Structure formats: structure tokens, C-alpha cells
């Protein structure tokens, strides 16, 4: 990379940082990202980030104080004509089953929202499985009663919930897939069909012929796509549907363990188990070991975990090319664009996936 190319990349990042400050509605003296956080958020080399921030500091757009942090500089206000974000509060509406099984840390959610809207309050609502829509309606009615513009981030949401939120005129975005026919909701999700294909191909490459798929009992759009990816890949390999056993199991460790024990002790036991996430995969590991099976030799376990930070499990796992925090950032950023009446370049982002096993990864 020559000097001119390096200089251009620094200038481009400096413009992105300045644009990001505007989008957040920050003013002189308010705290901004430190270089380490900006490197993760913008997926840039830390050296490039430091150079871009120095460029902005030289122009007094930023002020960098050792051991204190980074702040918006005194000259930034003269350069900013963009309106501040109009969202006064963010509501995270999450299915309890997803919270229990996804392994997604709460701080990734909060940090993803705060990376776009650092100054507003955040309320997290965990939805009961038996009355999720009624609870969501109560949240929407509460927002309408307050008469303020507040945002909703729907996580692992059903079709009826998405349709209701659209019909209510709520300001909302989706972390996960939006159902066909539902319009007006920006969304971000890992490529679920590709995830299923990667899981199946990984198992096929290892020579497996008998498979099982362990899923949550409450399927959503993404679950259907993952299942389609797996079955499509197995079908393309010339295997019949009889080669795959699909189990939909409630979020209960004892029930999961019982089902897996019965499966592994059956005469026609699978040699590989696809799991919807690490929650299920970890139970399978425990059961397999209790039966004296060796992971990776007697039984292969592959998780659709979607946790970029952890590739050091006993089993292979699907990870996204954007972290959960970055995905939430994109969803909330799209929501802010709608709140400000700005035209969006795209209403959704599908994040490519890869499969990771310890220190190796496969596209």
C-alpha cells in the first residue's frame, strides 16, 4: 500500500467519523468514541483510526485527552447543519425464548444502541411466550399516551407482531428477518439460509450421512430459512429427507437432554447434530460426553450460534461477519434515518456468515 492510498483511506475514515458525530446529534464538549471502539464499529485498523482522529483533532472537530477520552471539538458546531436525532427513548422488545437461547449478551444490545444514540434511555422488555402480542400492544399504547417519538427494536419477532407494529404507525426496526409482505420495517439479520448451507456442507465434507437438526419450539422466519438451507444442501448432495431428523424442543435443559439422549441411544443414531444455537449445542455436548461419546469423532456438533466473539468451542459454529453490536448499530441507524425523514439507501442488511471451528474458519 503506497503513501497516497494510505492518506486517502485516512481521509475517508475521517469523513465517516465526522458524519457519525452529526448523526448522533452531538455538540461541542460531548463525549465521543475512543479509537478502540471506533476501530470495532467501523471495522478499521486501529492505526488508521488514530490517524483519522488526529486529522479531526487538528481541525478541532475532535478533542482527545489522554486517560479521559475523546470529545467533540469546539469547531464542530460550525460544520454541522444536520438535525439531532428525534428519538427520545429506545424500547428493545425481545422474546424470552430468544434471550434464553441466543447467548447474545445484553451489553452488545445496549452498546449497539448507544453507539448511535448515546444520550437517550433504553428500556428492555422480555416478552412472555403465551401473550407476546398483547404485551407489545401495551408498550405501543404507552408510547402513544406519552406523545413522544420513541423507537422500537423488535428481536425474534413473529409475523403478527411485525404486522401490528406496522399498522400502529410505530417507529420500529427489526433485529432478525422481516416476513414476506411486511413492509416499512428496516431490518438486519445474518444470512440464515447461507448459515444452513454452511452447516450442512461442513458435515458433508466430513463424510457424514445421518443428520439431526435441533431447533427451538417457536420457529420464526429465520428458522425456516436456516432449515431450508440445510435441507437444500443435503438434497443437492443426493441425500433423501430420511437422512435428516428434525426436533423442535422447548427451552428446557432437562427436556432437551432427554430428547438428545433418546436420539443418540437409538439404533439409527445420527453422526452429526445441527443445533439452532450454542444453548442447545452445549446440552448436546454434555449428553454425548455422559454417554462416552467423543466430540468430533463419535458425534459431530455444529451450532448456528451467530456469536462472532467465540470460535473456541468443542464444536463448529456459524459466526456473522458483523458482530451483534455492529448489527444493532446498523438497525438503529436506519431507524434514526426514518425518524429524521431521510431517504434510506436500503431497507435491510443481510450479513454474510462463515463457519468457525477453534482457530479455523471457512467462508
Protein backbone atom coordinates (compact mmCIF):
# COMPACT_ATOMS: atom_id res chain seq x y z
CA UNK A 1 0.00 0.00 0.00
CA UNK A 2 1.57 3.31 -1.05
CA UNK A 3 1.51 6.62 0.85
CA UNK A 4 -1.21 8.16 -1.30
CA UNK A 5 -3.52 5.18 -0.81
CA UNK A 6 -2.96 5.30 2.96
CA UNK A 7 -3.67 9.03 3.02
CA UNK A 8 -6.91 8.57 1.11
CA UNK A 9 -8.11 5.82 3.45
CA UNK A 10 -7.46 8.08 6.45
CA UNK A 11 -9.35 10.95 4.86
CA UNK A 12 -12.31 8.71 4.02
CA UNK A 13 -12.48 7.42 7.58
CA UNK A 14 -12.23 10.98 8.95
CA UNK A 15 -15.28 11.91 6.86
CA UNK A 16 -17.15 8.84 8.15
CA UNK A 17 -16.32 9.77 11.74
CA UNK A 18 -17.49 13.34 11.25
CA UNK A 19 -20.70 12.13 9.60
CA UNK A 20 -21.24 9.75 12.52
CA UNK A 21 -20.92 12.62 15.00
CA UNK A 22 -23.59 14.54 13.10
CA UNK A 23 -25.92 11.55 13.03
CA UNK A 24 -25.63 11.17 16.78
CA UNK A 25 -26.63 14.80 17.25
CA UNK A 26 -23.59 15.50 19.41
CA UNK A 27 -22.42 19.01 20.19
CA UNK A 28 -19.17 20.57 21.37
CA UNK A 29 -17.84 19.07 24.60
CA UNK A 30 -19.86 15.85 24.48
CA UNK A 31 -18.08 12.50 24.70
CA UNK A 32 -17.39 10.53 21.52
CA UNK A 33 -15.89 7.10 20.75
CA UNK A 34 -12.34 6.25 21.75
CA UNK A 35 -10.13 4.84 19.00
CA UNK A 36 -10.55 1.23 20.12
CA UNK A 37 -14.36 1.42 19.95
CA UNK A 38 -14.28 3.25 16.62
CA UNK A 39 -11.98 0.55 15.21
CA UNK A 40 -14.53 -2.14 16.06
CA UNK A 41 -17.58 -0.15 14.95
CA UNK A 42 -16.14 0.90 11.59
CA UNK A 43 -14.14 -2.31 11.09
CA UNK A 44 -10.94 -0.36 10.51
CA UNK A 45 -7.33 -0.88 11.51
CA UNK A 46 -6.56 0.88 14.83
CA UNK A 47 -3.64 2.77 13.25
CA UNK A 48 -5.91 4.19 10.54
CA UNK A 49 -8.43 5.21 13.23
CA UNK A 50 -5.77 7.04 15.25
CA UNK A 51 -4.62 8.92 12.13
CA UNK A 52 -8.17 9.87 11.17
CA UNK A 53 -8.90 11.09 14.70
CA UNK A 54 -5.68 13.10 14.73
CA UNK A 55 -6.74 14.70 11.46
CA UNK A 56 -10.06 15.72 13.04
CA UNK A 57 -8.30 16.86 16.20
CA UNK A 58 -6.00 19.11 14.14
CA UNK A 59 -9.17 20.71 12.71
CA UNK A 60 -10.64 20.97 16.24
CA UNK A 61 -13.55 18.75 15.23
CA UNK A 62 -12.40 16.40 17.99
CA UNK A 63 -10.54 16.86 21.25
CA UNK A 64 -8.53 13.88 22.50
CA UNK A 65 -7.48 13.82 26.14
CA UNK A 66 -5.15 11.14 27.44
CA UNK A 67 -6.83 8.86 30.02
CA UNK A 68 -10.07 10.88 29.74
CA UNK A 69 -11.38 10.06 26.30
CA UNK A 70 -12.44 11.68 23.03
CA UNK A 71 -14.81 14.66 22.87
CA UNK A 72 -16.49 16.74 20.18
CA UNK A 73 -14.34 19.76 19.48
CA UNK A 74 -15.20 23.49 19.59
CA UNK A 75 -15.25 23.90 15.81
CA UNK A 76 -17.65 21.07 15.08
CA UNK A 77 -20.86 23.08 15.58
CA UNK A 78 -19.92 25.43 12.76
CA UNK A 79 -19.64 22.46 10.42
CA UNK A 80 -22.86 20.68 11.37
CA UNK A 81 -26.18 21.57 9.84
CA UNK A 82 -27.87 18.23 10.43
CA UNK A 83 -30.75 17.96 12.89
CA UNK A 84 -30.32 15.99 16.10
CA UNK A 85 -31.93 12.57 16.31
CA UNK A 86 -35.61 12.88 17.22
CA UNK A 87 -35.91 9.59 19.12
CA UNK A 88 -36.34 10.24 22.83
CA UNK A 89 -36.25 6.63 24.07
CA UNK A 90 -35.47 3.16 22.65
CA UNK A 91 -37.51 0.09 23.57
CA UNK A 92 -35.96 -3.33 23.00
CA UNK A 93 -38.78 -5.88 22.60
CA UNK A 94 -37.33 -9.40 22.86
CA UNK A 95 -38.89 -12.85 23.01
CA UNK A 96 -37.90 -14.55 26.27
CA UNK A 97 -37.07 -17.80 24.45
CA UNK A 98 -34.62 -15.95 22.22
CA UNK A 99 -33.00 -14.25 25.21
CA UNK A 100 -32.55 -17.60 26.93
CA UNK A 101 -31.11 -19.46 23.95
CA UNK A 102 -29.28 -16.96 21.75
CA UNK A 103 -26.37 -16.26 24.07
CA UNK A 104 -26.47 -12.64 22.93
CA UNK A 105 -25.05 -10.55 25.79
CA UNK A 106 -27.19 -7.64 26.94
CA UNK A 107 -24.23 -5.28 26.72
CA UNK A 108 -23.99 -5.93 22.96
CA UNK A 109 -27.57 -4.69 22.60
CA UNK A 110 -27.05 -1.67 24.81
CA UNK A 111 -23.69 -0.75 23.30
CA UNK A 112 -25.08 -1.12 19.78
CA UNK A 113 -27.90 1.31 20.55
CA UNK A 114 -25.64 3.69 22.48
CA UNK A 115 -23.21 3.77 19.56
CA UNK A 116 -25.94 5.62 17.62
CA UNK A 117 -27.98 7.25 20.39
CA UNK A 118 -25.59 7.74 23.33
CA UNK A 119 -27.77 10.08 25.39
CA UNK A 120 -31.24 8.52 25.44
CA UNK A 121 -32.73 5.99 27.89
CA UNK A 122 -33.18 2.35 26.86
CA UNK A 123 -35.93 0.04 28.11
CA UNK A 124 -35.71 -3.73 27.58
CA UNK A 125 -38.96 -5.73 27.50
CA UNK A 126 -38.79 -9.54 27.73
CA UNK A 127 -41.91 -10.98 26.13
CA UNK A 128 -43.73 -13.97 27.63
CA UNK A 129 -44.34 -16.70 25.06
CA UNK A 130 -48.06 -17.00 25.84
CA UNK A 131 -49.02 -13.33 25.45
CA UNK A 132 -46.25 -11.61 23.49
CA UNK A 133 -48.54 -9.63 21.16
CA UNK A 134 -50.69 -8.26 23.99
CA UNK A 135 -47.57 -7.14 25.84
CA UNK A 136 -46.22 -5.45 22.71
CA UNK A 137 -49.53 -3.63 22.27
CA UNK A 138 -49.26 -2.32 25.83
CA UNK A 139 -45.79 -0.93 25.08
CA UNK A 140 -47.04 0.79 21.91
CA UNK A 141 -50.06 2.24 23.75
CA UNK A 142 -47.78 3.56 26.50
CA UNK A 143 -45.62 5.33 23.92
CA UNK A 144 -48.67 6.86 22.22
CA UNK A 145 -50.01 8.07 25.58
CA UNK A 146 -46.74 9.89 26.26
CA UNK A 147 -46.96 11.66 22.91
CA UNK A 148 -43.23 11.36 22.25
CA UNK A 149 -41.34 9.80 19.36
CA UNK A 150 -39.82 6.62 20.75
CA UNK A 151 -38.26 3.75 18.85
CA UNK A 152 -38.87 0.01 18.98
CA UNK A 153 -36.25 -2.64 18.23
CA UNK A 154 -38.01 -5.98 17.70
CA UNK A 155 -35.91 -9.09 18.33
CA UNK A 156 -37.05 -12.59 17.29
CA UNK A 157 -40.49 -11.22 16.43
CA UNK A 158 -43.47 -13.06 14.97
CA UNK A 159 -45.33 -12.13 11.79
CA UNK A 160 -48.37 -10.94 13.76
CA UNK A 161 -46.17 -8.71 15.91
CA UNK A 162 -44.47 -7.17 12.88
CA UNK A 163 -47.83 -6.60 11.15
CA UNK A 164 -49.27 -5.00 14.27
CA UNK A 165 -46.31 -2.63 14.72
CA UNK A 166 -46.58 -1.53 11.08
CA UNK A 167 -50.36 -0.96 11.35
CA UNK A 168 -49.89 1.04 14.56
CA UNK A 169 -47.60 3.50 12.79
CA UNK A 170 -44.83 2.86 15.32
CA UNK A 171 -41.23 3.83 14.65
CA UNK A 172 -39.61 0.39 14.63
CA UNK A 173 -36.74 -1.70 13.27
CA UNK A 174 -36.14 -5.44 13.38
CA UNK A 175 -33.08 -7.37 14.51
CA UNK A 176 -33.77 -10.54 12.55
CA UNK A 177 -35.78 -11.32 9.42
CA UNK A 178 -38.92 -9.48 8.34
CA UNK A 179 -41.65 -11.73 6.93
CA UNK A 180 -42.59 -11.52 3.23
CA UNK A 181 -45.36 -8.99 2.69
CA UNK A 182 -44.48 -6.93 5.77
CA UNK A 183 -43.29 -3.52 4.57
CA UNK A 184 -41.98 -0.41 6.25
CA UNK A 185 -39.70 -2.07 8.80
CA UNK A 186 -35.93 -1.75 8.33
CA UNK A 187 -34.13 -4.92 9.39
CA UNK A 188 -30.73 -6.52 9.84
CA UNK A 189 -30.01 -10.24 10.09
CA UNK A 190 -27.35 -12.86 9.46
CA UNK A 191 -27.87 -14.71 6.18
CA UNK A 192 -29.84 -17.59 7.67
CA UNK A 193 -30.14 -19.66 4.51
CA UNK A 194 -26.41 -19.37 3.89
CA UNK A 195 -25.86 -20.38 7.52
CA UNK A 196 -27.82 -23.58 6.97
CA UNK A 197 -25.91 -24.33 3.78
CA UNK A 198 -22.56 -23.82 5.52
CA UNK A 199 -23.55 -26.12 8.39
CA UNK A 200 -24.69 -28.88 6.03
CA UNK A 201 -21.69 -28.59 3.73
CA UNK A 202 -19.32 -28.73 6.69
CA UNK A 203 -20.90 -32.02 7.75
CA UNK A 204 -20.93 -33.41 4.21
CA UNK A 205 -17.26 -32.56 3.73
CA UNK A 206 -16.53 -34.63 6.86
CA UNK A 207 -18.28 -37.62 5.27
CA UNK A 208 -21.48 -37.71 7.38
CA UNK A 209 -24.66 -39.39 6.08
CA UNK A 210 -27.06 -39.28 9.05
CA UNK A 211 -28.11 -35.93 10.49
CA UNK A 212 -30.34 -34.40 13.15
CA UNK A 213 -31.49 -30.78 13.49
CA UNK A 214 -32.29 -29.42 16.95
CA UNK A 215 -34.48 -26.28 16.92
CA UNK A 216 -36.48 -24.08 19.27
CA UNK A 217 -40.16 -24.97 19.53
CA UNK A 218 -41.27 -21.49 18.38
CA UNK A 219 -40.00 -21.03 14.84
CA UNK A 220 -39.58 -17.63 13.19
CA UNK A 221 -38.77 -16.57 9.63
CA UNK A 222 -35.03 -17.06 10.18
CA UNK A 223 -35.56 -20.59 11.49
CA UNK A 224 -37.42 -21.51 8.30
CA UNK A 225 -34.59 -20.11 6.19
CA UNK A 226 -31.93 -22.00 8.16
CA UNK A 227 -33.90 -25.23 7.76
CA UNK A 228 -34.29 -24.56 4.03
CA UNK A 229 -30.53 -24.01 3.69
CA UNK A 230 -29.74 -27.31 5.39
CA UNK A 231 -32.30 -29.43 3.51
CA UNK A 232 -31.44 -27.80 0.18
CA UNK A 233 -27.75 -28.56 0.59
CA UNK A 234 -28.40 -32.16 1.63
CA UNK A 235 -30.78 -32.57 -1.31
CA UNK A 236 -28.19 -31.21 -3.74
CA UNK A 237 -25.80 -33.86 -2.41
CA UNK A 238 -28.29 -36.57 -3.40
CA UNK A 239 -29.43 -37.43 0.13
CA UNK A 240 -33.08 -38.18 0.90
CA UNK A 241 -35.19 -36.42 3.52
CA UNK A 242 -34.90 -39.59 5.62
CA UNK A 243 -31.28 -38.67 6.27
CA UNK A 244 -32.37 -35.72 8.46
CA UNK A 245 -34.35 -35.90 11.72
CA UNK A 246 -35.75 -32.54 12.89
CA UNK A 247 -36.58 -31.95 16.57
CA UNK A 248 -38.38 -28.83 17.85
CA UNK A 249 -37.73 -28.70 21.60
CA UNK A 250 -38.84 -26.19 24.28
CA UNK A 251 -36.30 -24.07 26.11
CA UNK A 252 -35.82 -26.53 28.95
CA UNK A 253 -32.45 -28.20 29.54
CA UNK A 254 -33.99 -31.36 31.01
CA UNK A 255 -36.32 -31.82 28.02
CA UNK A 256 -33.52 -31.12 25.54
CA UNK A 257 -31.20 -33.57 27.31
CA UNK A 258 -33.88 -36.28 27.37
CA UNK A 259 -34.62 -35.90 23.64
CA UNK A 260 -30.93 -35.97 22.72
CA UNK A 261 -30.22 -38.99 24.92
CA UNK A 262 -33.04 -40.93 23.26
CA UNK A 263 -31.77 -39.85 19.84
CA UNK A 264 -28.14 -40.83 20.46
CA UNK A 265 -29.11 -44.17 22.00
CA UNK A 266 -31.37 -45.14 19.10
CA UNK A 267 -30.23 -47.91 16.69
CA UNK A 268 -30.12 -45.46 13.77
CA UNK A 269 -28.48 -42.56 15.64
CA UNK A 270 -27.19 -39.57 13.64
CA UNK A 271 -23.46 -38.89 13.47
CA UNK A 272 -23.91 -35.12 13.32
CA UNK A 273 -26.35 -32.79 15.10
CA UNK A 274 -27.10 -29.32 13.79
CA UNK A 275 -28.14 -27.01 16.66
CA UNK A 276 -30.04 -23.72 16.38
CA UNK A 277 -27.59 -22.11 18.77
CA UNK A 278 -24.91 -22.65 21.38
CA UNK A 279 -27.51 -23.10 24.15
CA UNK A 280 -28.67 -26.33 22.52
CA UNK A 281 -25.19 -27.34 21.36
CA UNK A 282 -23.81 -27.13 24.90
CA UNK A 283 -26.53 -29.51 26.14
CA UNK A 284 -25.76 -31.93 23.33
CA UNK A 285 -22.07 -31.86 24.30
CA UNK A 286 -22.90 -32.73 27.92
CA UNK A 287 -25.23 -35.58 26.95
CA UNK A 288 -22.79 -37.00 24.39
CA UNK A 289 -19.95 -36.98 26.89
CA UNK A 290 -22.13 -38.66 29.52
CA UNK A 291 -22.69 -41.48 27.02
CA UNK A 292 -18.97 -41.85 26.48
CA UNK A 293 -19.01 -40.31 23.00
CA UNK A 294 -16.08 -38.21 21.79
CA UNK A 295 -16.99 -34.86 20.22
CA UNK A 296 -15.61 -34.59 16.70
CA UNK A 297 -15.02 -38.33 16.43
CA UNK A 298 -18.13 -40.27 17.51
CA UNK A 299 -20.51 -37.34 17.10
CA UNK A 300 -20.13 -34.01 15.28
CA UNK A 301 -21.96 -30.94 16.64
CA UNK A 302 -22.49 -27.80 14.56
CA UNK A 303 -24.11 -24.67 16.01
CA UNK A 304 -25.85 -21.81 14.25
CA UNK A 305 -24.69 -19.72 17.20
CA UNK A 306 -24.04 -16.37 15.45
CA UNK A 307 -21.55 -15.22 18.09
CA UNK A 308 -18.57 -13.69 16.35
CA UNK A 309 -16.60 -13.35 19.57
CA UNK A 310 -16.38 -17.06 20.36
CA UNK A 311 -14.84 -19.63 17.99
CA UNK A 312 -13.23 -21.65 20.76
CA UNK A 313 -15.93 -24.23 21.45
CA UNK A 314 -15.69 -28.01 21.18
CA UNK A 315 -17.84 -27.75 18.06
CA UNK A 316 -18.05 -25.76 14.84
CA UNK A 317 -20.25 -22.68 14.91
CA UNK A 318 -21.74 -20.17 12.49
CA UNK A 319 -20.49 -16.62 13.06
CA UNK A 320 -21.50 -13.39 11.26
CA UNK A 321 -19.05 -11.08 9.54
CA UNK A 322 -20.50 -8.23 11.60
CA UNK A 323 -20.74 -8.60 15.38
CA UNK A 324 -24.12 -8.41 17.11
CA UNK A 325 -23.20 -4.94 18.37
CA UNK A 326 -22.48 -3.78 14.82
CA UNK A 327 -25.73 -5.28 13.54
CA UNK A 328 -27.75 -3.46 16.22
CA UNK A 329 -25.88 -0.28 15.29
CA UNK A 330 -26.99 -0.64 11.65
CA UNK A 331 -30.64 -1.32 12.61
CA UNK A 332 -30.85 1.68 14.96
CA UNK A 333 -29.06 3.91 12.46
CA UNK A 334 -31.69 3.04 9.85
CA UNK A 335 -34.37 3.86 12.42
CA UNK A 336 -32.85 7.30 13.03
CA UNK A 337 -32.85 7.98 9.29
CA UNK A 338 -36.59 7.28 9.20
CA UNK A 339 -37.17 9.46 12.28
CA UNK A 340 -35.42 12.36 10.56
CA UNK A 341 -37.32 11.82 7.33
CA UNK A 342 -34.20 10.87 5.41
CA UNK A 343 -34.24 8.52 2.44
CA UNK A 344 -32.66 5.16 3.15
CA UNK A 345 -30.26 3.57 0.69
CA UNK A 346 -31.70 0.13 1.56
CA UNK A 347 -34.38 -1.08 3.96
CA UNK A 348 -32.37 -4.07 5.15
CA UNK A 349 -28.92 -5.58 5.52
CA UNK A 350 -28.23 -9.32 5.21
CA UNK A 351 -24.93 -10.10 6.93
CA UNK A 352 -22.78 -12.84 5.35
CA UNK A 353 -21.82 -15.75 7.59
CA UNK A 354 -18.87 -18.09 7.94
CA UNK A 355 -18.30 -21.31 9.85
CA UNK A 356 -15.69 -21.33 12.57
CA UNK A 357 -14.05 -24.20 14.44
CA UNK A 358 -11.49 -23.23 17.09
CA UNK A 359 -8.85 -21.24 15.17
CA UNK A 360 -10.06 -22.10 11.68
CA UNK A 361 -12.85 -20.56 9.61
CA UNK A 362 -14.47 -21.41 6.30
CA UNK A 363 -16.34 -18.95 4.07
